[in-house]
N, C-alpha and C. Protein backbone atom coordinates (compact mmCIF):
# COMPACT_ATOMS: atom_id res chain seq x y z
N MET A 1 102.55 134.70 87.34
CA MET A 1 102.11 134.52 85.97
C MET A 1 100.90 135.42 85.70
N THR A 2 100.95 136.17 84.58
CA THR A 2 99.85 137.06 84.25
C THR A 2 98.66 136.27 83.73
N LEU A 3 97.50 136.90 83.73
CA LEU A 3 96.29 136.23 83.24
C LEU A 3 96.46 135.84 81.79
N ARG A 4 97.07 136.69 80.99
CA ARG A 4 97.25 136.38 79.57
C ARG A 4 98.12 135.14 79.38
N LEU A 5 99.22 135.06 80.15
CA LEU A 5 100.10 133.90 80.05
C LEU A 5 99.41 132.63 80.53
N ALA A 6 98.62 132.77 81.60
CA ALA A 6 97.90 131.61 82.14
C ALA A 6 96.89 131.08 81.12
N LEU A 7 96.18 131.99 80.46
CA LEU A 7 95.20 131.57 79.46
C LEU A 7 95.89 130.94 78.25
N ALA A 8 97.04 131.48 77.86
CA ALA A 8 97.78 130.93 76.73
C ALA A 8 98.28 129.52 77.07
N ARG A 9 98.76 129.35 78.31
CA ARG A 9 99.23 128.03 78.74
C ARG A 9 98.08 127.03 78.78
N ALA A 10 96.94 127.45 79.29
CA ALA A 10 95.77 126.56 79.35
C ALA A 10 95.31 126.17 77.96
N SER A 11 95.32 127.13 77.03
CA SER A 11 94.92 126.85 75.65
C SER A 11 95.85 125.84 75.00
N HIS A 12 97.16 125.97 75.28
CA HIS A 12 98.14 125.04 74.71
C HIS A 12 97.91 123.63 75.24
N VAL A 13 97.71 123.49 76.56
CA VAL A 13 97.47 122.17 77.17
C VAL A 13 96.19 121.56 76.60
N LEU A 14 95.15 122.37 76.45
CA LEU A 14 93.88 121.88 75.93
C LEU A 14 94.04 121.33 74.52
N ARG A 15 94.81 122.04 73.68
CA ARG A 15 95.01 121.59 72.30
C ARG A 15 95.89 120.35 72.23
N GLN A 16 96.96 120.32 73.03
CA GLN A 16 97.94 119.25 72.93
C GLN A 16 97.57 118.00 73.73
N GLU A 17 96.91 118.18 74.89
CA GLU A 17 96.70 117.05 75.80
C GLU A 17 95.23 116.76 76.10
N GLY A 18 94.34 117.69 75.78
CA GLY A 18 92.93 117.44 76.00
C GLY A 18 92.40 118.03 77.29
N ALA A 19 91.05 117.98 77.43
CA ALA A 19 90.38 118.59 78.57
C ALA A 19 90.73 117.90 79.89
N ARG A 20 90.88 116.57 79.87
CA ARG A 20 91.20 115.84 81.10
C ARG A 20 92.51 116.31 81.69
N SER A 21 93.52 116.41 80.84
CA SER A 21 94.83 116.84 81.32
C SER A 21 94.76 118.26 81.85
N LEU A 22 94.05 119.14 81.16
CA LEU A 22 93.90 120.52 81.62
C LEU A 22 93.24 120.56 82.99
N TRP A 23 92.20 119.76 83.18
CA TRP A 23 91.48 119.74 84.46
C TRP A 23 92.40 119.35 85.60
N PHE A 24 93.20 118.29 85.40
CA PHE A 24 94.08 117.84 86.48
C PHE A 24 95.25 118.79 86.70
N LYS A 25 95.66 119.51 85.67
CA LYS A 25 96.69 120.52 85.87
C LYS A 25 96.14 121.67 86.70
N ILE A 26 94.89 122.04 86.47
CA ILE A 26 94.26 123.08 87.29
C ILE A 26 94.16 122.62 88.74
N LEU A 27 93.73 121.38 88.95
CA LEU A 27 93.66 120.84 90.31
C LEU A 27 95.05 120.82 90.95
N GLY A 28 96.06 120.47 90.14
CA GLY A 28 97.42 120.41 90.65
C GLY A 28 97.95 121.74 91.12
N GLU A 29 97.43 122.81 90.54
CA GLU A 29 97.85 124.15 90.95
C GLU A 29 97.04 124.66 92.14
N THR A 30 96.03 123.89 92.55
CA THR A 30 95.15 124.38 93.61
C THR A 30 95.06 123.41 94.79
N VAL A 31 94.32 122.31 94.66
CA VAL A 31 94.01 121.50 95.86
C VAL A 31 94.41 120.03 95.78
N TYR A 32 94.71 119.50 94.62
CA TYR A 32 94.89 118.04 94.51
C TYR A 32 95.98 117.70 93.50
N ARG A 33 96.91 116.86 93.93
CA ARG A 33 97.94 116.37 93.03
C ARG A 33 98.07 114.87 93.21
N ARG A 34 98.32 114.15 92.12
CA ARG A 34 98.55 112.71 92.20
C ARG A 34 99.43 112.26 91.06
N LEU A 35 100.19 111.20 91.34
CA LEU A 35 101.06 110.59 90.36
C LEU A 35 100.92 109.08 90.44
N LEU A 36 101.12 108.41 89.33
CA LEU A 36 101.14 106.96 89.32
C LEU A 36 102.49 106.49 89.87
N LEU A 37 102.45 105.50 90.73
CA LEU A 37 103.66 104.88 91.25
C LEU A 37 103.90 103.60 90.45
N LEU A 38 105.04 103.51 89.78
CA LEU A 38 105.37 102.36 88.95
C LEU A 38 106.59 101.65 89.53
N GLU A 39 106.68 100.35 89.30
CA GLU A 39 107.81 99.58 89.80
C GLU A 39 108.30 98.62 88.73
N ARG A 40 109.58 98.23 88.90
CA ARG A 40 110.19 97.33 87.94
C ARG A 40 111.11 96.37 88.69
N ASP A 41 110.82 95.06 88.61
CA ASP A 41 111.64 94.03 89.24
C ASP A 41 112.93 93.89 88.42
N LEU A 42 114.06 94.18 89.03
CA LEU A 42 115.32 94.15 88.29
C LEU A 42 115.84 92.74 88.05
N GLN A 43 115.20 91.74 88.68
CA GLN A 43 115.61 90.36 88.44
C GLN A 43 114.99 89.80 87.16
N GLU A 44 113.97 90.46 86.67
CA GLU A 44 113.35 90.03 85.41
C GLU A 44 114.20 90.48 84.23
N PRO A 45 114.11 89.79 83.09
CA PRO A 45 114.91 90.17 81.92
C PRO A 45 114.67 91.62 81.51
N ILE A 46 115.73 92.31 81.17
CA ILE A 46 115.65 93.70 80.71
C ILE A 46 115.81 93.70 79.19
N PRO A 47 114.85 94.23 78.47
CA PRO A 47 114.88 94.13 77.01
C PRO A 47 115.98 94.97 76.37
N GLU A 48 116.43 94.51 75.24
CA GLU A 48 117.33 95.32 74.41
C GLU A 48 116.47 96.30 73.62
N VAL A 49 116.80 97.56 73.66
CA VAL A 49 116.03 98.59 72.98
C VAL A 49 116.85 99.15 71.83
N THR A 50 116.26 99.15 70.66
CA THR A 50 116.95 99.67 69.48
C THR A 50 116.76 101.17 69.36
N VAL A 51 117.85 101.89 69.24
CA VAL A 51 117.80 103.34 69.02
C VAL A 51 118.08 103.59 67.55
N ARG A 52 117.27 104.41 66.95
CA ARG A 52 117.35 104.60 65.50
C ARG A 52 118.31 105.73 65.10
N LEU A 53 119.35 105.93 65.89
CA LEU A 53 120.44 106.83 65.52
C LEU A 53 121.62 106.48 66.43
N PRO A 54 122.85 106.79 66.01
CA PRO A 54 124.02 106.40 66.81
C PRO A 54 124.12 107.22 68.11
N VAL A 55 124.15 106.53 69.25
CA VAL A 55 124.29 107.20 70.54
C VAL A 55 125.21 106.39 71.45
N ALA A 56 125.78 107.06 72.42
CA ALA A 56 126.56 106.42 73.47
C ALA A 56 125.91 106.79 74.79
N ILE A 57 125.61 105.79 75.63
CA ILE A 57 124.92 106.02 76.89
C ILE A 57 125.87 105.72 78.05
N GLY A 58 125.96 106.65 78.99
CA GLY A 58 126.83 106.46 80.14
C GLY A 58 126.52 107.47 81.22
N LEU A 59 127.28 107.44 82.31
CA LEU A 59 127.05 108.35 83.43
C LEU A 59 127.53 109.76 83.09
N LEU A 60 126.78 110.73 83.57
CA LEU A 60 127.17 112.13 83.42
C LEU A 60 128.38 112.41 84.31
N LYS A 61 129.37 113.08 83.75
CA LYS A 61 130.56 113.47 84.50
C LYS A 61 130.41 114.90 85.03
N LYS A 62 131.13 115.19 86.10
CA LYS A 62 131.06 116.55 86.65
C LYS A 62 131.59 117.58 85.66
N THR A 63 132.48 117.15 84.78
CA THR A 63 133.00 118.05 83.76
C THR A 63 131.95 118.38 82.69
N GLU A 64 130.80 117.67 82.71
CA GLU A 64 129.74 117.90 81.72
C GLU A 64 128.58 118.71 82.28
N ILE A 65 128.73 119.27 83.47
CA ILE A 65 127.62 120.02 84.07
C ILE A 65 127.22 121.19 83.19
N ALA A 66 128.18 121.89 82.61
CA ALA A 66 127.87 123.02 81.74
C ALA A 66 127.07 122.56 80.52
N ALA A 67 127.43 121.41 79.96
CA ALA A 67 126.70 120.87 78.82
C ALA A 67 125.29 120.45 79.24
N TYR A 68 125.17 119.93 80.46
CA TYR A 68 123.84 119.55 80.97
C TYR A 68 122.95 120.78 81.09
N VAL A 69 123.47 121.85 81.64
CA VAL A 69 122.68 123.08 81.79
C VAL A 69 122.32 123.68 80.43
N GLN A 70 123.18 123.46 79.45
CA GLN A 70 122.85 123.92 78.10
C GLN A 70 121.69 123.13 77.52
N LEU A 71 121.64 121.82 77.83
CA LEU A 71 120.52 120.98 77.38
C LEU A 71 119.27 121.29 78.19
N ARG A 72 119.42 121.36 79.51
CA ARG A 72 118.31 121.63 80.42
C ARG A 72 118.42 123.08 80.87
N THR A 73 117.86 123.99 80.10
CA THR A 73 118.03 125.42 80.38
C THR A 73 117.37 125.87 81.68
N ASP A 74 116.48 125.02 82.23
CA ASP A 74 115.84 125.35 83.50
C ASP A 74 116.64 124.85 84.69
N ALA A 75 117.78 124.20 84.45
CA ALA A 75 118.58 123.60 85.52
C ALA A 75 119.57 124.61 86.09
N ASP A 76 119.96 124.39 87.35
CA ASP A 76 120.94 125.22 88.02
C ASP A 76 122.22 124.40 88.21
N ALA A 77 123.34 124.93 87.76
CA ALA A 77 124.60 124.18 87.80
C ALA A 77 124.97 123.76 89.22
N ALA A 78 124.76 124.65 90.19
CA ALA A 78 125.11 124.34 91.58
C ALA A 78 124.25 123.19 92.10
N ALA A 79 122.96 123.19 91.74
CA ALA A 79 122.06 122.12 92.19
C ALA A 79 122.45 120.78 91.56
N ILE A 80 122.86 120.81 90.30
CA ILE A 80 123.28 119.58 89.63
C ILE A 80 124.55 119.03 90.26
N ARG A 81 125.49 119.92 90.57
CA ARG A 81 126.72 119.48 91.23
C ARG A 81 126.40 118.90 92.61
N SER A 82 125.45 119.51 93.31
CA SER A 82 125.05 119.01 94.64
C SER A 82 124.46 117.61 94.54
N ARG A 83 123.66 117.35 93.51
CA ARG A 83 123.10 116.01 93.30
C ARG A 83 124.23 114.99 93.13
N LEU A 84 125.18 115.32 92.27
CA LEU A 84 126.28 114.39 92.01
C LEU A 84 127.14 114.19 93.25
N ASP A 85 127.43 115.28 93.97
CA ASP A 85 128.22 115.17 95.20
C ASP A 85 127.48 114.34 96.25
N GLY A 86 126.13 114.36 96.22
CA GLY A 86 125.34 113.62 97.19
C GLY A 86 125.16 112.15 96.85
N GLY A 87 125.77 111.69 95.76
CA GLY A 87 125.72 110.28 95.42
C GLY A 87 124.69 109.91 94.38
N GLN A 88 123.89 110.87 93.90
CA GLN A 88 122.96 110.57 92.82
C GLN A 88 123.72 110.42 91.51
N VAL A 89 123.12 109.70 90.57
CA VAL A 89 123.77 109.50 89.28
C VAL A 89 122.82 109.93 88.17
N CYS A 90 123.40 110.43 87.10
CA CYS A 90 122.63 110.85 85.93
C CYS A 90 123.11 110.05 84.73
N PHE A 91 122.18 109.43 84.05
CA PHE A 91 122.50 108.68 82.83
C PHE A 91 122.25 109.59 81.64
N ALA A 92 123.24 109.65 80.75
CA ALA A 92 123.16 110.57 79.62
C ALA A 92 123.37 109.84 78.31
N ALA A 93 122.58 110.22 77.32
CA ALA A 93 122.77 109.72 75.96
C ALA A 93 123.44 110.82 75.16
N ARG A 94 124.52 110.45 74.46
CA ARG A 94 125.29 111.43 73.69
C ARG A 94 125.23 111.07 72.21
N HIS A 95 124.98 112.08 71.40
CA HIS A 95 124.95 111.91 69.95
C HIS A 95 125.97 112.87 69.35
N ARG A 96 126.95 112.29 68.67
CA ARG A 96 128.03 113.07 68.07
C ARG A 96 128.70 113.97 69.12
N GLY A 97 128.86 113.41 70.31
CA GLY A 97 129.57 114.12 71.36
C GLY A 97 128.74 115.05 72.21
N GLY A 98 127.51 115.32 71.81
CA GLY A 98 126.67 116.24 72.57
C GLY A 98 125.58 115.54 73.36
N LEU A 99 125.21 116.07 74.51
CA LEU A 99 124.13 115.49 75.32
C LEU A 99 122.79 115.72 74.65
N VAL A 100 122.00 114.65 74.53
CA VAL A 100 120.67 114.79 73.92
C VAL A 100 119.56 114.23 74.80
N SER A 101 119.91 113.43 75.82
CA SER A 101 118.89 112.83 76.67
C SER A 101 119.50 112.48 78.02
N THR A 102 118.77 112.77 79.12
CA THR A 102 119.30 112.51 80.46
C THR A 102 118.21 111.98 81.38
N SER A 103 118.64 111.32 82.46
CA SER A 103 117.71 110.83 83.47
C SER A 103 118.48 110.55 84.75
N TRP A 104 117.85 110.80 85.91
CA TRP A 104 118.51 110.69 87.20
C TRP A 104 118.05 109.46 87.97
N ALA A 105 118.88 109.06 88.96
CA ALA A 105 118.53 107.96 89.86
C ALA A 105 119.11 108.26 91.24
N ALA A 106 118.34 107.89 92.27
CA ALA A 106 118.76 108.14 93.65
C ALA A 106 118.38 106.95 94.51
N THR A 107 119.06 106.81 95.65
CA THR A 107 118.78 105.72 96.58
C THR A 107 118.56 106.30 97.98
N ASN A 108 118.21 105.43 98.91
CA ASN A 108 117.95 105.79 100.31
C ASN A 108 116.66 106.58 100.46
N ARG A 109 116.72 107.89 100.62
CA ARG A 109 115.52 108.72 100.77
C ARG A 109 115.56 109.81 99.70
N VAL A 110 114.43 110.04 99.04
CA VAL A 110 114.39 111.03 97.96
C VAL A 110 113.25 112.00 98.21
N TRP A 111 113.40 113.19 97.67
CA TRP A 111 112.39 114.23 97.80
C TRP A 111 111.69 114.42 96.46
N ILE A 112 110.35 114.37 96.46
CA ILE A 112 109.57 114.60 95.25
C ILE A 112 109.02 116.03 95.31
N ASP A 113 109.59 116.93 94.54
CA ASP A 113 109.20 118.34 94.59
C ASP A 113 107.72 118.54 94.30
N TYR A 114 107.21 117.87 93.28
CA TYR A 114 105.83 118.09 92.85
C TYR A 114 104.83 117.76 93.95
N LEU A 115 105.16 116.76 94.79
CA LEU A 115 104.27 116.35 95.87
C LEU A 115 104.70 116.90 97.23
N ALA A 116 105.82 117.61 97.25
CA ALA A 116 106.33 118.20 98.50
C ALA A 116 106.41 117.16 99.61
N ARG A 117 107.02 116.00 99.30
CA ARG A 117 107.13 114.95 100.30
C ARG A 117 108.35 114.09 100.03
N GLU A 118 108.78 113.41 101.08
CA GLU A 118 109.90 112.49 100.97
C GLU A 118 109.38 111.09 100.66
N LEU A 119 110.14 110.36 99.87
CA LEU A 119 109.79 108.97 99.55
C LEU A 119 110.90 108.08 100.07
N PRO A 120 110.65 107.36 101.18
CA PRO A 120 111.69 106.45 101.70
C PRO A 120 111.82 105.22 100.83
N LEU A 121 113.03 104.74 100.69
CA LEU A 121 113.30 103.57 99.86
C LEU A 121 113.96 102.48 100.69
N ALA A 122 113.69 101.23 100.32
CA ALA A 122 114.39 100.11 100.94
C ALA A 122 115.85 100.12 100.48
N ALA A 123 116.69 99.38 101.18
CA ALA A 123 118.13 99.38 100.87
C ALA A 123 118.42 98.87 99.46
N ASP A 124 117.51 98.04 98.91
CA ASP A 124 117.74 97.47 97.58
C ASP A 124 116.84 98.08 96.52
N GLU A 125 116.33 99.29 96.76
CA GLU A 125 115.47 99.99 95.81
C GLU A 125 116.16 101.24 95.27
N VAL A 126 115.88 101.57 94.03
CA VAL A 126 116.39 102.79 93.42
C VAL A 126 115.23 103.58 92.83
N TYR A 127 115.28 104.88 92.99
CA TYR A 127 114.24 105.77 92.48
C TYR A 127 114.76 106.46 91.22
N CYS A 128 114.03 106.33 90.12
CA CYS A 128 114.40 106.93 88.84
C CYS A 128 113.51 108.13 88.56
N TYR A 129 114.11 109.24 88.12
CA TYR A 129 113.31 110.45 87.96
C TYR A 129 113.95 111.44 86.98
N ASP A 130 113.20 112.48 86.67
CA ASP A 130 113.67 113.64 85.90
C ASP A 130 114.27 113.25 84.54
N SER A 131 113.48 112.53 83.75
CA SER A 131 113.92 112.17 82.39
C SER A 131 113.65 113.33 81.43
N PHE A 132 114.57 113.52 80.52
CA PHE A 132 114.42 114.61 79.53
C PHE A 132 115.15 114.23 78.25
N THR A 133 114.50 114.50 77.12
CA THR A 133 115.12 114.30 75.82
C THR A 133 114.93 115.57 74.98
N ASP A 134 116.01 116.00 74.36
CA ASP A 134 115.95 117.16 73.47
C ASP A 134 114.82 116.96 72.47
N GLU A 135 114.00 117.98 72.29
CA GLU A 135 112.84 117.87 71.41
C GLU A 135 113.20 117.39 70.02
N ALA A 136 114.37 117.79 69.53
CA ALA A 136 114.79 117.40 68.17
C ALA A 136 115.11 115.92 68.06
N PHE A 137 115.27 115.23 69.21
CA PHE A 137 115.66 113.82 69.19
C PHE A 137 114.58 112.92 69.77
N ARG A 138 113.38 113.42 69.95
CA ARG A 138 112.29 112.59 70.45
C ARG A 138 111.71 111.76 69.30
N GLY A 139 111.25 110.56 69.65
CA GLY A 139 110.70 109.68 68.63
C GLY A 139 111.69 108.66 68.11
N TRP A 140 112.91 108.63 68.70
CA TRP A 140 113.95 107.72 68.24
C TRP A 140 114.21 106.57 69.22
N GLY A 141 113.45 106.52 70.31
CA GLY A 141 113.63 105.45 71.29
C GLY A 141 114.71 105.71 72.31
N LEU A 142 115.19 106.96 72.42
CA LEU A 142 116.28 107.28 73.33
C LEU A 142 115.91 107.05 74.79
N ASP A 143 114.71 107.46 75.18
CA ASP A 143 114.31 107.37 76.58
C ASP A 143 114.30 105.92 77.05
N ALA A 144 113.69 105.04 76.28
CA ALA A 144 113.61 103.64 76.66
C ALA A 144 115.00 103.00 76.68
N ALA A 145 115.84 103.33 75.71
CA ALA A 145 117.19 102.75 75.66
C ALA A 145 118.02 103.21 76.84
N ARG A 146 117.94 104.48 77.17
CA ARG A 146 118.68 105.02 78.31
C ARG A 146 118.19 104.40 79.62
N THR A 147 116.87 104.22 79.74
CA THR A 147 116.29 103.61 80.94
C THR A 147 116.73 102.16 81.08
N ALA A 148 116.75 101.41 79.99
CA ALA A 148 117.18 100.01 80.04
C ALA A 148 118.63 99.91 80.51
N GLU A 149 119.47 100.81 80.05
CA GLU A 149 120.86 100.81 80.48
C GLU A 149 120.97 101.14 81.97
N LYS A 150 120.13 102.06 82.43
CA LYS A 150 120.10 102.41 83.85
C LYS A 150 119.69 101.20 84.70
N LEU A 151 118.68 100.46 84.26
CA LEU A 151 118.22 99.29 85.00
C LEU A 151 119.31 98.23 85.09
N ARG A 152 120.04 98.02 84.00
CA ARG A 152 121.14 97.05 84.01
C ARG A 152 122.23 97.48 84.99
N TYR A 153 122.51 98.75 85.01
CA TYR A 153 123.55 99.30 85.90
C TYR A 153 123.22 98.98 87.36
N PHE A 154 121.98 99.23 87.76
CA PHE A 154 121.61 99.01 89.16
C PHE A 154 121.41 97.53 89.47
N ARG A 155 121.03 96.74 88.50
CA ARG A 155 120.97 95.30 88.72
C ARG A 155 122.37 94.75 89.00
N ARG A 156 123.35 95.20 88.22
CA ARG A 156 124.73 94.77 88.46
C ARG A 156 125.23 95.21 89.83
N ALA A 157 124.72 96.35 90.31
CA ALA A 157 125.14 96.87 91.61
C ALA A 157 124.42 96.18 92.77
N GLY A 158 123.50 95.24 92.46
CA GLY A 158 122.85 94.47 93.51
C GLY A 158 121.47 94.95 93.92
N TYR A 159 120.92 95.93 93.21
CA TYR A 159 119.59 96.42 93.56
C TYR A 159 118.52 95.47 93.01
N ARG A 160 117.39 95.41 93.72
CA ARG A 160 116.32 94.47 93.40
C ARG A 160 115.16 95.10 92.65
N ARG A 161 114.88 96.38 92.95
CA ARG A 161 113.68 96.99 92.39
C ARG A 161 113.92 98.45 92.04
N ALA A 162 113.33 98.89 90.94
CA ALA A 162 113.35 100.30 90.55
C ALA A 162 111.94 100.84 90.64
N VAL A 163 111.79 102.06 91.11
CA VAL A 163 110.48 102.71 91.19
C VAL A 163 110.56 104.09 90.54
N CYS A 164 109.42 104.56 90.06
CA CYS A 164 109.34 105.90 89.51
C CYS A 164 107.91 106.40 89.64
N VAL A 165 107.70 107.69 89.46
CA VAL A 165 106.37 108.27 89.47
C VAL A 165 106.15 109.01 88.16
N VAL A 166 104.92 108.91 87.63
CA VAL A 166 104.60 109.51 86.34
C VAL A 166 103.18 110.07 86.40
N SER A 167 102.98 111.21 85.81
CA SER A 167 101.62 111.76 85.71
C SER A 167 100.77 110.86 84.81
N PRO A 168 99.53 110.56 85.22
CA PRO A 168 98.66 109.73 84.36
C PRO A 168 98.43 110.32 82.98
N GLU A 169 98.59 111.64 82.85
CA GLU A 169 98.37 112.30 81.56
C GLU A 169 99.62 112.29 80.67
N ASN A 170 100.76 111.89 81.21
CA ASN A 170 102.00 111.89 80.44
C ASN A 170 102.11 110.58 79.66
N ARG A 171 101.42 110.52 78.55
CA ARG A 171 101.32 109.28 77.77
C ARG A 171 102.67 108.85 77.20
N ALA A 172 103.52 109.80 76.82
CA ALA A 172 104.82 109.45 76.26
C ALA A 172 105.68 108.74 77.29
N SER A 173 105.70 109.24 78.54
CA SER A 173 106.49 108.61 79.58
C SER A 173 105.94 107.24 79.95
N LEU A 174 104.62 107.11 79.97
CA LEU A 174 104.00 105.82 80.28
C LEU A 174 104.33 104.77 79.22
N ARG A 175 104.34 105.17 77.96
CA ARG A 175 104.72 104.25 76.89
C ARG A 175 106.16 103.78 77.08
N SER A 176 107.03 104.75 77.38
CA SER A 176 108.44 104.43 77.54
C SER A 176 108.66 103.49 78.73
N CYS A 177 107.96 103.75 79.84
CA CYS A 177 108.08 102.89 81.03
C CYS A 177 107.58 101.47 80.74
N ALA A 178 106.45 101.37 80.05
CA ALA A 178 105.91 100.05 79.72
C ALA A 178 106.86 99.29 78.81
N LYS A 179 107.55 100.00 77.95
CA LYS A 179 108.45 99.37 76.99
C LYS A 179 109.61 98.64 77.67
N VAL A 180 110.03 99.13 78.84
CA VAL A 180 111.15 98.50 79.55
C VAL A 180 110.69 97.71 80.77
N GLY A 181 109.38 97.46 80.88
CA GLY A 181 108.89 96.51 81.88
C GLY A 181 108.37 97.08 83.18
N TYR A 182 108.18 98.39 83.28
CA TYR A 182 107.57 98.93 84.50
C TYR A 182 106.11 98.51 84.58
N ARG A 183 105.65 98.29 85.81
CA ARG A 183 104.26 97.91 86.05
C ARG A 183 103.62 98.87 87.04
N PHE A 184 102.31 98.98 86.96
CA PHE A 184 101.56 99.83 87.89
C PHE A 184 101.69 99.29 89.31
N SER A 185 101.94 100.19 90.26
CA SER A 185 102.09 99.78 91.66
C SER A 185 101.10 100.48 92.59
N GLY A 186 100.79 101.75 92.31
CA GLY A 186 99.87 102.47 93.20
C GLY A 186 99.71 103.92 92.79
N LEU A 187 99.11 104.68 93.67
CA LEU A 187 98.83 106.09 93.44
C LEU A 187 99.35 106.87 94.64
N ILE A 188 100.08 107.95 94.38
CA ILE A 188 100.65 108.76 95.45
C ILE A 188 100.32 110.23 95.19
N GLY A 189 99.97 110.96 96.24
CA GLY A 189 99.62 112.36 96.03
C GLY A 189 99.21 113.05 97.31
N TYR A 190 98.48 114.16 97.16
CA TYR A 190 97.98 114.88 98.33
C TYR A 190 96.73 115.66 97.99
N VAL A 191 95.98 115.99 99.05
CA VAL A 191 94.85 116.91 98.98
C VAL A 191 95.18 118.08 99.89
N ARG A 192 95.05 119.30 99.40
CA ARG A 192 95.39 120.49 100.19
C ARG A 192 94.19 121.42 100.26
N ILE A 193 93.81 121.77 101.48
CA ILE A 193 92.72 122.72 101.71
C ILE A 193 93.24 123.77 102.68
N GLY A 194 93.44 124.97 102.19
CA GLY A 194 93.98 126.03 103.04
C GLY A 194 95.34 125.63 103.59
N PRO A 195 95.53 125.72 104.91
CA PRO A 195 96.83 125.38 105.50
C PRO A 195 97.01 123.89 105.75
N TRP A 196 95.98 123.07 105.48
CA TRP A 196 96.06 121.63 105.76
C TRP A 196 96.37 120.83 104.50
N THR A 197 97.25 119.86 104.67
CA THR A 197 97.63 118.98 103.56
C THR A 197 97.56 117.53 104.02
N TRP A 198 96.86 116.70 103.26
CA TRP A 198 96.76 115.27 103.53
C TRP A 198 97.49 114.50 102.43
N HIS A 199 98.58 113.84 102.80
CA HIS A 199 99.32 113.03 101.84
C HIS A 199 98.75 111.61 101.83
N PHE A 200 98.76 110.97 100.68
CA PHE A 200 98.29 109.59 100.60
C PHE A 200 99.19 108.78 99.67
N CYS A 201 99.24 107.49 99.92
CA CYS A 201 99.95 106.55 99.06
C CYS A 201 99.14 105.27 99.05
N ARG A 202 98.45 105.00 97.95
CA ARG A 202 97.56 103.85 97.85
C ARG A 202 98.21 102.77 96.97
N VAL A 203 98.89 101.86 97.60
CA VAL A 203 99.54 100.78 96.86
C VAL A 203 98.48 99.84 96.32
N GLY A 204 98.58 99.54 95.04
CA GLY A 204 97.61 98.65 94.41
C GLY A 204 96.34 99.33 93.96
N HIS A 205 96.20 100.64 94.25
CA HIS A 205 94.99 101.36 93.85
C HIS A 205 95.11 101.76 92.38
N ARG A 206 94.27 101.22 91.55
CA ARG A 206 94.32 101.50 90.11
C ARG A 206 93.32 102.59 89.74
N PRO A 207 93.78 103.64 89.05
CA PRO A 207 92.85 104.69 88.63
C PRO A 207 91.84 104.18 87.61
N ALA A 208 90.75 104.93 87.45
CA ALA A 208 89.67 104.49 86.57
C ALA A 208 90.14 104.31 85.13
N LYS A 209 91.03 105.19 84.67
CA LYS A 209 91.51 105.11 83.29
C LYS A 209 92.82 104.32 83.25
N PRO A 210 92.89 103.19 82.53
CA PRO A 210 94.11 102.39 82.51
C PRO A 210 95.29 103.20 82.00
N TRP A 211 96.47 102.98 82.60
CA TRP A 211 97.64 103.72 82.16
C TRP A 211 98.36 103.03 81.02
N ARG A 212 98.16 101.75 80.88
CA ARG A 212 98.86 101.06 79.81
C ARG A 212 98.27 101.43 78.44
N LEU A 213 99.15 101.60 77.48
CA LEU A 213 98.73 102.03 76.15
C LEU A 213 99.06 100.96 75.13
N SER A 214 98.40 101.01 74.01
CA SER A 214 98.61 99.99 73.00
C SER A 214 100.02 100.08 72.42
N ALA A 215 100.55 98.93 72.03
CA ALA A 215 101.92 98.90 71.49
C ALA A 215 102.05 99.68 70.20
N GLY A 216 100.94 99.93 69.53
CA GLY A 216 100.99 100.62 68.27
C GLY A 216 101.17 102.12 68.38
N GLU A 217 101.01 102.66 69.59
CA GLU A 217 101.17 104.10 69.74
C GLU A 217 102.65 104.46 69.64
N ARG A 218 102.94 105.60 69.08
CA ARG A 218 104.30 106.01 68.79
C ARG A 218 105.03 106.46 70.05
N ASP A 219 106.23 105.92 70.23
CA ASP A 219 107.08 106.31 71.35
C ASP A 219 107.72 107.65 71.02
N THR A 220 107.59 108.63 71.91
CA THR A 220 108.15 109.95 71.63
C THR A 220 109.43 110.21 72.38
N GLY A 221 109.94 109.20 73.09
CA GLY A 221 111.15 109.42 73.87
C GLY A 221 112.42 109.18 73.05
């Protein structure tokens, strides 16, 4: 990345997310990364979420990989096929036949790219990740509705708990997670100095700034 592009990116983050978010993004590119670890008991009631436009939510089919790559232009078709062949599932929201929102789930052992580490799961746990909604369809409640359907799917399959990781600065994702009953569980990340990396996972460790947001804030998912 050129200096001009880096400065433009930093200016955009500063305007859209504030100085705190910019600071942690800088740290994330250098020595320190952390994510909030959230959990959701699947035995607790799962709320009905109203979507303010007609959508159909279901599993992504292998025949829809091309449509997925069209929605997620940063995705690689071969990598998506590998995920599906490996037993992962993708939940997709469709509006008028087209994909507008997607999210993945995996079991057993999962790899978190951002933290460069594996996250082992219990036999009855599912890891939810990589949520995305087309910018033109954000603000309609799609993310929360799709997540609620995903939670019901895994509850029916016999799973007990869902977990996910979210950046503390990603307020839209935190709102959406809170809406469907996720709770704070811990902090996971690493500190890197030169060739040395120290990974940490602090269950029950709450960051100084609360992640829960007021119900009046607008859901952008």
